[in-house]
Amino acid sequence: MGKESQHVAPPDPKRRRRTTRVVLGVAVVAALGASGIYITTAGAGEVTTPGTLQAEAFAAQSGAKTEGTSDTGGGKNVGWLANGDWLEYRDVAIGSTALSARIASNNSEGGSIEARLGSRDGTLLATFPVASTGGWQKWKTVTAKAAKVPAGRQTLVLVMKSGSRSDFVNINHFNVGAAPVSATPATPATPVPSSAAPSGAASSVPTPSSAAPTNPSASPGGWVPVDETAWKQTLALHKAVQPKAVPAGIVRVPEFHTNCTVANEAPDDPIVLPNLPGASHLHTFFGPKVTASSTPEQLRGQSTTCDAAGDNSAYWAPTLLQGGKPVKMKNFRAYYGAKIKDPATVVPFPPGLVMVQGDAKRQVATPKGASGQFWCAGSAEIGRSADGNWPKCAAGGNLIYQLTYQDCWDGKHIDSPDHKSHMGPSVNGVCTGKYPVAIPNISMMLGYDSLGGDGLALSSGMASSIHGDFMNAWDPAKLAALVKVCINADAKCGTTPSFG
């Protein structure tokens, strides 16, 4: 990037947000669909030196964005990095114990970058200190010393650590010694979903291609293939369910629901930051009790706070705070339905599916009329908070938010690097293209014991950062019955596959 003004922090660096989409410029970038994985090479505008690992040459990442840089040497830098975000580089030869990083920061809280071997919680190689450099394009070289030089080529994972809830560092490049360095994405083993034919009747839903990887990604946050055997068994259970006649007077809406109470609150996220307890902002969990190491398999063996028989799934969202203290939940309901034209084409989720909706890093104002609104249930809105981002509800009501997930699936993966790219929207009411499989559309209703107003914030920041996570741990037979009897028949049910 040639000018500092292209990446300007707002007056409060803790509220940094992306204000401009920056063109990546002369560096050669091959973006693999919407996967968040990039293959990058230096272009004519980027100068490299021996032992230099360009930050944008990651094989996998969480939370990263690339942009042009005004630093010496040109090319690109990686930015929008916050606590818990990470960058993974593969096939890296480390040639020296004396390491350095080229960084920029406009966040006074600072933090550190942990260089680890093998995984995000692997052996700590070195720690780079991060302090404010006075601007997001004001570059400084910081150093770190490794205890020893690891033999052979490594998977190097850089983990961001900071007490700030906002972005705190940009990275241009690292120097790991004069040994040859490369970072090669594992794209042959983890293909991006290819286009598929549109879905038709439920019986014709495509099963995953044999070309898909047969084992889950060895890299956390990668493309995780569906278990084809378990998926076919799920489809067989759904096909075997006998539909029920819908009585007269039943509302013809494809829907059932589950009601849950709070299971626990913790600064954990087993989808985005698995096996890293305390690394996330505070979340409120519904269903089974959730930890940083929870998996769908574990959830199925636990008790749950949800009342739909067979639903051991976990649902979570950032905790709402008032004056820095958690706001009590009034109610939580997850509706399962269909937004597509033909609800008869909907099939149950594949076992182990996880997905994220929303963006924890979206820090923009939400005045009245803006998208992504919290609203008042049971009473009228009688005003706004001083900052304009939160409604004030009249007595008898409460603050609420509705978060709706994608309803089309790629048919191949139960997770993706950004936990979103294996899911997509319908096109003209049909699941097609890269997302040919229609699955139940989840809509989470988050009801808070609050009248809104001043002093509110999410644990992830502003109201616009609201997001939700879902980890499927339904009993396949129970879910199959609900989908067939309720959604496929375009009929409104409650928590069981029955009417009335």
Protein backbone atom coordinates (compact mmCIF):
# COMPACT_ATOMS: atom_id res chain seq x y z
CA MET A 1 0.00 0.00 0.00
CA GLY A 2 1.42 3.34 -0.97
CA LYS A 3 -0.33 5.69 1.45
CA GLU A 4 -0.95 5.61 5.19
CA SER A 5 -4.44 7.00 4.66
CA GLN A 6 -5.61 3.79 3.01
CA HIS A 7 -5.67 2.04 6.38
CA VAL A 8 -6.58 4.63 8.97
CA ALA A 9 -7.50 3.73 12.53
CA PRO A 10 -10.49 5.47 14.10
CA PRO A 11 -9.75 7.88 16.99
CA ASP A 12 -9.96 5.06 19.54
CA PRO A 13 -7.55 2.27 18.46
CA LYS A 14 -9.52 -0.24 20.53
CA ARG A 15 -12.40 0.31 18.09
CA ARG A 16 -10.32 -0.22 14.97
CA ARG A 17 -12.30 -1.35 11.98
CA ARG A 18 -11.78 -1.78 8.30
CA THR A 19 -13.02 1.41 6.65
CA THR A 20 -11.79 0.76 3.10
CA ARG A 21 -11.45 -2.31 0.95
CA VAL A 22 -7.83 -2.14 -0.19
CA VAL A 23 -6.84 -3.57 -3.57
CA LEU A 24 -4.07 -6.11 -3.10
CA GLY A 25 -1.96 -4.61 -5.88
CA VAL A 26 0.90 -6.29 -7.69
CA ALA A 27 1.35 -9.40 -5.52
CA VAL A 28 0.12 -12.56 -7.19
CA VAL A 29 -2.78 -14.03 -5.22
CA ALA A 30 -4.75 -17.18 -6.00
CA ALA A 31 -7.79 -17.20 -3.73
CA LEU A 32 -9.26 -20.65 -3.38
CA GLY A 33 -12.96 -19.92 -3.62
CA ALA A 34 -14.24 -18.45 -0.34
CA SER A 35 -12.04 -20.71 1.74
CA GLY A 36 -9.86 -18.09 3.35
CA ILE A 37 -6.80 -20.07 2.22
CA TYR A 38 -4.43 -18.34 -0.16
CA ILE A 39 -1.45 -19.28 -2.28
CA THR A 40 0.80 -16.25 -2.57
CA THR A 41 4.03 -15.42 -4.33
CA ALA A 42 6.04 -12.24 -4.50
CA GLY A 43 5.30 -9.99 -7.44
CA ALA A 44 7.40 -7.35 -9.12
CA GLY A 45 6.56 -4.84 -6.40
CA GLU A 46 7.75 -7.02 -3.52
CA VAL A 47 11.38 -7.45 -2.52
CA THR A 48 12.43 -10.57 -0.61
CA THR A 49 15.67 -11.43 1.18
CA PRO A 50 17.17 -14.79 2.18
CA GLY A 51 15.45 -16.32 5.20
CA THR A 52 12.35 -14.15 4.85
CA LEU A 53 8.91 -15.65 5.28
CA GLN A 54 6.25 -13.31 3.89
CA ALA A 55 3.30 -13.06 6.29
CA GLU A 56 0.73 -13.41 3.50
CA ALA A 57 2.17 -16.80 2.43
CA PHE A 58 0.08 -18.66 5.01
CA ALA A 59 -1.41 -22.08 4.31
CA ALA A 60 -4.30 -21.57 6.74
CA GLN A 61 -5.47 -18.79 9.01
CA SER A 62 -8.14 -17.50 11.35
CA GLY A 63 -9.03 -13.81 11.47
CA ALA A 64 -6.49 -12.57 8.93
CA LYS A 65 -6.93 -10.12 6.07
CA THR A 66 -4.30 -9.06 3.53
CA GLU A 67 -3.64 -5.58 2.17
CA GLY A 68 -0.99 -3.69 0.26
CA THR A 69 1.80 -2.27 2.42
CA SER A 70 3.76 0.97 2.40
CA ASP A 71 6.69 -0.76 4.14
CA THR A 72 10.10 -0.96 2.44
CA GLY A 73 10.05 -3.74 -0.12
CA GLY A 74 6.40 -3.36 -1.07
CA GLY A 75 4.08 -6.32 -1.50
CA LYS A 76 1.41 -7.06 1.09
CA ASN A 77 1.01 -7.33 4.82
CA VAL A 78 -1.43 -9.29 6.96
CA GLY A 79 -3.67 -7.24 9.24
CA TRP A 80 -6.84 -7.17 11.34
CA LEU A 81 -5.21 -9.60 13.77
CA ALA A 82 -6.68 -9.87 17.26
CA ASN A 83 -6.26 -12.09 20.30
CA GLY A 84 -6.62 -15.76 19.36
CA ASP A 85 -6.16 -15.24 15.61
CA TRP A 86 -3.48 -17.39 13.98
CA LEU A 87 -1.44 -17.92 10.83
CA GLU A 88 -0.09 -21.32 9.74
CA TYR A 89 2.93 -21.89 7.48
CA ARG A 90 4.02 -25.31 6.27
CA ASP A 91 7.33 -26.77 5.15
CA VAL A 92 9.36 -24.01 6.84
CA ALA A 93 13.10 -24.48 7.43
CA ILE A 94 14.29 -22.43 10.42
CA GLY A 95 17.96 -21.56 10.06
CA SER A 96 18.79 -19.51 13.16
CA THR A 97 17.87 -18.93 16.80
CA ALA A 98 17.88 -15.18 16.08
CA LEU A 99 14.42 -14.42 14.70
CA SER A 100 12.77 -11.14 13.76
CA ALA A 101 9.36 -9.86 12.71
CA ARG A 102 8.34 -6.73 10.86
CA ILE A 103 5.21 -5.37 12.56
CA ALA A 104 3.03 -2.27 12.84
CA SER A 105 0.42 -1.42 15.47
CA ASN A 106 -1.89 1.41 16.42
CA ASN A 107 -3.30 -0.25 19.54
CA SER A 108 -1.81 0.99 22.81
CA GLU A 109 -2.57 -2.27 24.64
CA GLY A 110 -0.15 -4.26 22.47
CA GLY A 111 0.40 -7.97 23.04
CA SER A 112 2.65 -10.66 21.59
CA ILE A 113 3.01 -13.13 18.73
CA GLU A 114 3.78 -16.70 19.80
CA ALA A 115 5.65 -18.82 17.26
CA ARG A 116 4.77 -22.48 17.88
CA LEU A 117 5.76 -25.70 16.17
CA GLY A 118 3.23 -28.13 14.72
CA SER A 119 -0.01 -26.62 16.00
CA ARG A 120 -1.52 -23.68 17.85
CA ASP A 121 -0.75 -25.33 21.19
CA GLY A 122 2.53 -26.93 20.06
CA THR A 123 6.02 -26.33 21.41
CA LEU A 124 6.74 -22.63 21.90
CA LEU A 125 9.63 -21.61 19.65
CA ALA A 126 9.79 -17.90 20.44
CA THR A 127 7.65 -14.92 21.42
CA PHE A 128 7.70 -11.58 19.58
CA PRO A 129 6.67 -8.54 21.66
CA VAL A 130 4.10 -6.16 20.18
CA ALA A 131 3.74 -2.54 21.24
CA SER A 132 2.19 0.42 19.46
CA THR A 133 4.36 1.73 16.64
CA GLY A 134 2.17 4.80 16.12
CA GLY A 135 0.19 3.62 13.10
CA TRP A 136 -1.05 0.61 11.13
CA GLN A 137 1.58 1.35 8.47
CA LYS A 138 4.36 2.58 10.80
CA TRP A 139 6.71 -0.39 10.63
CA LYS A 140 9.21 -1.64 13.18
CA THR A 141 11.41 -4.74 13.41
CA VAL A 142 11.12 -6.69 16.66
CA THR A 143 13.32 -9.64 17.62
CA ALA A 144 12.97 -12.91 19.49
CA LYS A 145 15.38 -15.70 20.33
CA ALA A 146 14.61 -19.40 20.01
CA ALA A 147 16.10 -21.83 22.51
CA LYS A 148 17.38 -23.95 19.62
CA VAL A 149 17.08 -24.45 15.89
CA PRO A 150 14.61 -27.27 15.19
CA ALA A 151 15.88 -29.86 12.71
CA GLY A 152 14.12 -30.34 9.37
CA ARG A 153 11.18 -28.51 7.91
CA GLN A 154 8.41 -27.46 10.27
CA THR A 155 4.81 -26.41 10.44
CA LEU A 156 5.05 -22.97 12.03
CA VAL A 157 1.96 -21.50 13.67
CA LEU A 158 1.86 -17.87 14.80
CA VAL A 159 -0.72 -17.24 17.54
CA MET A 160 -1.79 -13.70 18.44
CA LYS A 161 -2.02 -12.88 22.15
CA SER A 162 -3.40 -9.63 23.54
CA GLY A 163 -5.56 -8.31 26.33
CA SER A 164 -7.29 -6.08 23.80
CA ARG A 165 -10.64 -7.13 22.38
CA SER A 166 -9.78 -5.40 19.10
CA ASP A 167 -7.14 -5.80 16.40
CA PHE A 168 -3.66 -5.08 17.70
CA VAL A 169 -1.04 -5.91 15.08
CA ASN A 170 -0.15 -5.93 11.36
CA ILE A 171 2.62 -8.25 10.13
CA ASN A 172 4.67 -7.76 6.97
CA HIS A 173 7.22 -10.56 7.18
CA PHE A 174 9.42 -12.70 9.43
CA ASN A 175 13.09 -13.62 9.19
CA VAL A 176 13.81 -17.15 10.34
CA GLY A 177 17.44 -17.47 9.21
CA ALA A 178 19.13 -17.99 5.86
CA ALA A 179 17.98 -21.58 5.31
CA PRO A 180 15.59 -22.06 2.34
CA VAL A 181 12.04 -21.21 3.35
CA SER A 182 8.75 -22.08 1.77
CA ALA A 183 5.15 -22.22 2.81
CA THR A 184 3.02 -24.49 0.69
CA PRO A 185 -0.72 -24.78 1.24
CA ALA A 186 -1.99 -28.33 1.45
CA THR A 187 -4.51 -27.78 -1.29
CA PRO A 188 -4.11 -31.19 -2.95
CA ALA A 189 -5.29 -32.84 0.27
CA THR A 190 -8.00 -30.33 1.09
CA PRO A 191 -9.84 -29.27 -2.05
CA VAL A 192 -12.26 -26.41 -2.21
CA PRO A 193 -15.82 -27.56 -2.94
CA SER A 194 -16.53 -27.81 -6.63
CA SER A 195 -19.79 -26.93 -8.29
CA ALA A 196 -22.50 -29.55 -8.27
CA ALA A 197 -25.88 -29.95 -9.86
CA PRO A 198 -28.89 -28.32 -8.18
CA SER A 199 -30.71 -30.36 -5.58
CA GLY A 200 -33.91 -32.00 -6.55
CA ALA A 201 -36.12 -34.26 -4.46
CA ALA A 202 -34.78 -35.38 -1.10
CA SER A 203 -34.03 -38.84 -2.43
CA SER A 204 -31.73 -37.36 -5.06
CA VAL A 205 -29.53 -35.30 -2.71
CA PRO A 206 -25.92 -35.82 -3.81
CA THR A 207 -23.56 -37.67 -1.53
CA PRO A 208 -19.99 -36.44 -1.13
CA SER A 209 -17.66 -37.06 -4.03
CA SER A 210 -15.11 -39.82 -3.64
CA ALA A 211 -12.56 -37.20 -4.62
CA ALA A 212 -13.07 -35.50 -1.27
CA PRO A 213 -10.42 -36.18 1.37
CA THR A 214 -11.08 -39.31 3.41
CA ASN A 215 -9.59 -38.07 6.66
CA PRO A 216 -10.26 -34.87 8.60
CA SER A 217 -7.80 -32.07 8.03
CA ALA A 218 -4.65 -32.43 10.08
CA SER A 219 -4.60 -28.65 10.40
CA PRO A 220 -7.06 -27.10 12.87
CA GLY A 221 -9.37 -24.77 11.02
CA GLY A 222 -8.98 -26.56 7.68
CA TRP A 223 -11.46 -28.26 5.36
CA VAL A 224 -12.91 -31.19 7.29
CA PRO A 225 -14.58 -33.78 5.03
CA VAL A 226 -17.89 -35.35 5.92
CA ASP A 227 -17.88 -38.97 7.07
CA GLU A 228 -19.48 -40.45 3.96
CA THR A 229 -20.70 -43.60 5.71
CA ALA A 230 -22.37 -41.66 8.52
CA TRP A 231 -23.87 -39.21 6.03
CA LYS A 232 -25.38 -42.00 3.94
CA GLN A 233 -26.81 -43.55 7.11
CA THR A 234 -28.38 -40.20 8.00
CA LEU A 235 -30.00 -39.97 4.57
CA ALA A 236 -31.25 -43.54 4.90
CA LEU A 237 -32.87 -42.76 8.27
CA HIS A 238 -34.57 -39.71 6.77
CA LYS A 239 -35.84 -41.64 3.77
CA ALA A 240 -37.27 -44.36 6.01
CA VAL A 241 -39.43 -41.97 8.07
CA GLN A 242 -43.09 -42.20 7.14
CA PRO A 243 -44.71 -38.77 6.69
CA LYS A 244 -47.85 -37.95 8.65
CA ALA A 245 -51.09 -36.53 7.35
CA VAL A 246 -51.33 -32.85 8.22
CA PRO A 247 -54.68 -32.08 9.88
CA ALA A 248 -56.80 -29.17 8.79
CA GLY A 249 -56.09 -25.96 10.64
CA ILE A 250 -52.35 -26.57 11.07
CA VAL A 251 -50.25 -23.57 10.10
CA ARG A 252 -48.49 -24.39 6.83
CA VAL A 253 -45.03 -23.21 7.73
CA PRO A 254 -42.08 -25.64 7.55
CA GLU A 255 -40.90 -25.40 11.15
CA PHE A 256 -40.06 -27.01 14.47
CA HIS A 257 -38.10 -25.63 17.40
CA THR A 258 -36.08 -26.35 20.50
CA ASN A 259 -36.02 -24.28 23.71
CA CYS A 260 -32.83 -24.17 25.77
CA THR A 261 -31.62 -22.53 28.93
CA VAL A 262 -28.08 -21.38 29.65
CA ALA A 263 -25.68 -24.29 30.12
CA ASN A 264 -22.61 -22.20 31.04
CA GLU A 265 -20.61 -19.08 30.28
CA ALA A 266 -16.90 -19.24 29.49
CA PRO A 267 -14.21 -17.47 27.41
CA ASP A 268 -14.00 -20.53 25.15
CA ASP A 269 -14.86 -21.39 21.55
CA PRO A 270 -14.37 -25.04 20.48
CA ILE A 271 -15.01 -24.19 16.81
CA VAL A 272 -12.86 -21.10 16.27
CA LEU A 273 -10.29 -21.71 19.04
CA PRO A 274 -10.42 -25.44 19.83
CA ASN A 275 -8.35 -26.71 22.77
CA LEU A 276 -7.39 -23.16 23.79
CA PRO A 277 -9.27 -22.56 27.07
CA GLY A 278 -9.68 -18.91 27.95
CA ALA A 279 -8.50 -17.69 24.53
CA SER A 280 -11.85 -16.31 23.37
CA HIS A 281 -14.16 -13.55 24.47
CA LEU A 282 -16.92 -14.61 26.86
CA HIS A 283 -19.64 -16.78 25.31
CA THR A 284 -23.03 -17.86 26.59
CA PHE A 285 -23.67 -21.54 25.77
CA PHE A 286 -27.03 -23.28 25.35
CA GLY A 287 -27.59 -27.06 25.32
CA PRO A 288 -24.85 -29.21 26.87
CA LYS A 289 -22.07 -27.61 28.91
CA VAL A 290 -19.34 -26.55 26.49
CA THR A 291 -15.58 -26.25 26.93
CA ALA A 292 -12.77 -25.30 24.57
CA SER A 293 -12.26 -28.99 23.77
CA SER A 294 -15.91 -29.96 23.17
CA THR A 295 -16.68 -32.07 20.10
CA PRO A 296 -19.97 -33.29 18.64
CA GLU A 297 -19.13 -36.82 19.79
CA GLN A 298 -18.66 -35.64 23.38
CA LEU A 299 -21.82 -33.54 23.34
CA ARG A 300 -23.95 -36.52 22.37
CA GLY A 301 -23.05 -38.23 25.65
CA GLN A 302 -23.86 -35.24 27.88
CA SER A 303 -27.03 -33.91 29.44
CA THR A 304 -28.61 -30.91 27.76
CA THR A 305 -30.74 -27.91 28.67
CA CYS A 306 -32.72 -28.15 25.41
CA ASP A 307 -36.23 -29.60 25.45
CA ALA A 308 -36.52 -31.15 21.96
CA ALA A 309 -35.90 -34.87 22.37
CA GLY A 310 -32.65 -35.87 20.67
CA ASP A 311 -31.16 -32.36 20.56
CA ASN A 312 -27.74 -32.45 22.21
CA SER A 313 -26.43 -29.76 19.89
CA ALA A 314 -24.56 -26.76 21.27
CA TYR A 315 -25.49 -23.19 20.45
CA TRP A 316 -23.57 -20.13 21.59
CA ALA A 317 -23.22 -16.38 21.17
CA PRO A 318 -21.12 -13.59 22.70
CA THR A 319 -22.34 -12.63 26.16
CA LEU A 320 -24.28 -9.39 26.48
CA LEU A 321 -22.77 -7.11 29.12
CA GLN A 322 -24.19 -4.11 30.94
CA GLY A 323 -21.67 -2.07 32.85
CA GLY A 324 -19.20 -4.88 32.18
CA LYS A 325 -21.36 -7.55 33.86
CA PRO A 326 -23.25 -10.36 32.06
CA VAL A 327 -26.92 -9.74 31.38
CA LYS A 328 -29.21 -12.60 32.38
CA MET A 329 -30.92 -14.44 29.54
CA LYS A 330 -34.71 -14.41 29.54
CA ASN A 331 -35.19 -17.12 26.92
CA PHE A 332 -33.54 -18.89 24.01
CA ARG A 333 -35.24 -20.68 21.15
CA ALA A 334 -33.77 -22.15 17.97
CA TYR A 335 -36.24 -22.41 15.11
CA TYR A 336 -35.54 -24.96 12.37
CA GLY A 337 -37.23 -24.24 9.06
CA ALA A 338 -36.79 -23.75 5.32
CA LYS A 339 -36.44 -20.53 3.34
CA ILE A 340 -36.17 -22.30 0.00
CA LYS A 341 -39.07 -22.72 -2.44
CA ASP A 342 -39.52 -26.45 -1.95
CA PRO A 343 -39.15 -27.58 1.70
CA ALA A 344 -39.57 -31.20 0.56
CA THR A 345 -35.93 -31.09 -0.63
CA VAL A 346 -34.54 -30.39 2.86
CA VAL A 347 -32.52 -33.18 4.49
CA PRO A 348 -31.02 -33.42 8.00
CA PHE A 349 -27.60 -32.05 8.86
CA PRO A 350 -24.63 -34.34 8.36
CA PRO A 351 -23.22 -35.68 11.64
CA GLY A 352 -20.69 -33.35 13.22
CA LEU A 353 -21.53 -30.27 11.13
CA VAL A 354 -20.34 -27.00 12.66
CA MET A 355 -20.97 -23.49 11.40
CA VAL A 356 -20.58 -19.85 12.39
CA GLN A 357 -22.84 -16.96 11.40
CA GLY A 358 -21.98 -13.29 11.85
CA ASP A 359 -18.66 -11.54 12.33
CA ALA A 360 -17.07 -10.98 15.75
CA LYS A 361 -14.75 -8.40 14.18
CA ARG A 362 -17.48 -6.21 12.72
CA GLN A 363 -17.28 -3.04 14.80
CA VAL A 364 -19.59 -0.49 13.18
CA ALA A 365 -22.39 1.68 14.49
CA THR A 366 -25.94 0.29 14.40
CA PRO A 367 -28.24 3.32 14.69
CA LYS A 368 -31.98 2.87 14.30
CA GLY A 369 -32.77 1.50 10.87
CA ALA A 370 -29.32 -0.02 10.31
CA SER A 371 -28.91 -3.70 9.51
CA GLY A 372 -28.15 -6.13 12.33
CA GLN A 373 -30.52 -4.57 14.86
CA PHE A 374 -31.30 -5.69 18.37
CA TRP A 375 -34.98 -4.93 18.95
CA CYS A 376 -37.72 -4.90 21.58
CA ALA A 377 -40.02 -7.89 22.07
CA GLY A 378 -43.31 -7.49 23.93
CA SER A 379 -43.21 -3.70 24.04
CA ALA A 380 -42.40 -0.71 21.89
CA GLU A 381 -39.02 0.92 21.41
CA ILE A 382 -39.17 4.25 23.24
CA GLY A 383 -35.69 5.58 22.48
CA ARG A 384 -32.07 4.76 21.84
CA SER A 385 -28.95 4.55 23.95
CA ALA A 386 -26.66 7.60 24.02
CA ASP A 387 -24.43 6.02 21.37
CA GLY A 388 -27.48 5.16 19.25
CA ASN A 389 -26.59 1.45 18.96
CA TRP A 390 -29.10 -0.08 21.38
CA PRO A 391 -32.89 0.35 21.64
CA LYS A 392 -34.68 1.29 24.86
CA CYS A 393 -37.73 -0.90 25.46
CA ALA A 394 -40.93 0.10 27.24
CA ALA A 395 -41.89 -1.71 30.45
CA GLY A 396 -43.13 -5.23 29.88
CA GLY A 397 -40.78 -5.94 27.01
CA ASN A 398 -37.20 -7.12 26.63
CA LEU A 399 -34.21 -6.86 24.34
CA ILE A 400 -33.95 -9.58 21.68
CA TYR A 401 -31.87 -10.54 18.68
CA GLN A 402 -32.61 -12.99 15.84
CA LEU A 403 -29.59 -14.61 14.17
CA THR A 404 -30.22 -16.70 11.05
CA TYR A 405 -27.74 -19.20 9.60
CA GLN A 406 -27.18 -20.25 5.98
CA ASP A 407 -29.45 -23.01 4.71
CA CYS A 408 -27.42 -24.57 1.87
CA TRP A 409 -24.44 -26.93 2.35
CA ASP A 410 -21.63 -27.94 -0.02
CA GLY A 411 -22.34 -31.66 0.55
CA LYS A 412 -18.66 -32.40 1.20
CA HIS A 413 -17.32 -30.75 4.32
CA ILE A 414 -18.53 -30.41 7.91
CA ASP A 415 -16.13 -27.51 8.57
CA SER A 416 -13.99 -25.05 6.63
CA PRO A 417 -11.08 -22.73 7.46
CA ASP A 418 -13.35 -19.80 8.32
CA HIS A 419 -16.16 -22.10 9.58
CA LYS A 420 -18.48 -20.51 7.00
CA SER A 421 -17.26 -21.41 3.50
CA HIS A 422 -18.82 -24.90 3.50
CA MET A 423 -22.18 -23.15 3.85
CA GLY A 424 -23.91 -20.76 1.47
CA PRO A 425 -27.18 -19.09 0.51
CA SER A 426 -29.88 -20.33 -1.79
CA VAL A 427 -30.14 -18.82 -5.27
CA ASN A 428 -33.66 -17.88 -6.34
CA GLY A 429 -34.99 -20.14 -3.62
CA VAL A 430 -32.90 -23.18 -4.62
CA CYS A 431 -29.74 -24.69 -3.15
CA THR A 432 -27.46 -25.00 -6.15
CA GLY A 433 -23.94 -24.47 -7.50
CA LYS A 434 -21.28 -24.88 -4.82
CA TYR A 435 -23.99 -25.41 -2.20
CA PRO A 436 -26.42 -27.98 -3.62
CA VAL A 437 -27.75 -29.56 -0.40
CA ALA A 438 -30.72 -27.98 1.39
CA ILE A 439 -30.53 -28.40 5.17
CA PRO A 440 -32.70 -26.97 7.96
CA ASN A 441 -32.39 -23.23 8.30
CA ILE A 442 -31.59 -22.36 11.94
CA SER A 443 -32.80 -19.08 13.41
CA MET A 444 -31.58 -18.40 16.96
CA MET A 445 -33.78 -16.12 19.07
CA LEU A 446 -31.73 -14.60 21.90
CA GLY A 447 -34.00 -13.01 24.51
CA TYR A 448 -32.35 -10.93 27.25
CA ASP A 449 -33.67 -9.88 30.67
CA SER A 450 -32.98 -6.26 29.81
CA LEU A 451 -34.85 -3.20 28.62
CA GLY A 452 -31.80 -2.12 26.65
CA GLY A 453 -30.45 1.41 26.81
CA ASP A 454 -27.10 2.71 27.97
CA GLY A 455 -24.08 0.76 29.17
CA LEU A 456 -24.57 -2.23 26.89
CA ALA A 457 -21.85 -4.03 24.94
CA LEU A 458 -21.18 -7.52 23.70
CA SER A 459 -18.17 -9.42 24.98
CA SER A 460 -16.98 -9.24 21.35
CA GLY A 461 -17.47 -5.46 21.18
CA MET A 462 -20.18 -3.39 19.52
CA ALA A 463 -23.71 -4.61 18.73
CA SER A 464 -22.62 -5.21 15.12
CA SER A 465 -20.22 -7.95 16.29
CA ILE A 466 -23.10 -10.27 17.22
CA HIS A 467 -22.48 -13.80 15.93
CA GLY A 468 -23.53 -17.35 16.63
CA ASP A 469 -21.97 -20.80 16.60
CA PHE A 470 -23.66 -24.17 16.10
CA MET A 471 -22.25 -27.65 16.68
CA ASN A 472 -24.55 -30.44 15.49
CA ALA A 473 -25.00 -33.22 18.02
CA TRP A 474 -28.58 -34.21 17.19
CA ASP A 475 -29.62 -37.83 17.45
CA PRO A 476 -29.82 -38.61 13.70
CA ALA A 477 -33.06 -40.57 13.95
CA LYS A 478 -34.82 -37.88 15.99
CA LEU A 479 -33.72 -35.13 13.63
CA ALA A 480 -34.71 -37.20 10.58
CA ALA A 481 -38.25 -37.53 11.92
CA LEU A 482 -38.60 -33.80 12.62
CA VAL A 483 -37.33 -32.88 9.17
CA LYS A 484 -39.59 -35.36 7.37
CA VAL A 485 -42.80 -34.79 9.37
CA CYS A 486 -42.54 -31.03 9.85
CA ILE A 487 -40.25 -29.31 7.37
CA ASN A 488 -40.75 -31.58 4.35
CA ALA A 489 -44.55 -31.44 4.84
CA ASP A 490 -44.54 -27.64 5.10
CA ALA A 491 -46.25 -27.87 8.49
CA LYS A 492 -45.65 -26.15 11.83
CA CYS A 493 -44.60 -28.39 14.71
CA GLY A 494 -43.31 -27.72 18.19
CA THR A 495 -40.52 -29.77 19.79
CA THR A 496 -41.79 -33.13 18.51
CA PRO A 497 -42.70 -34.51 15.06
CA SER A 498 -46.42 -33.99 15.64
CA PHE A 499 -49.10 -31.36 15.10
CA GLY A 500 -51.35 -29.39 17.40
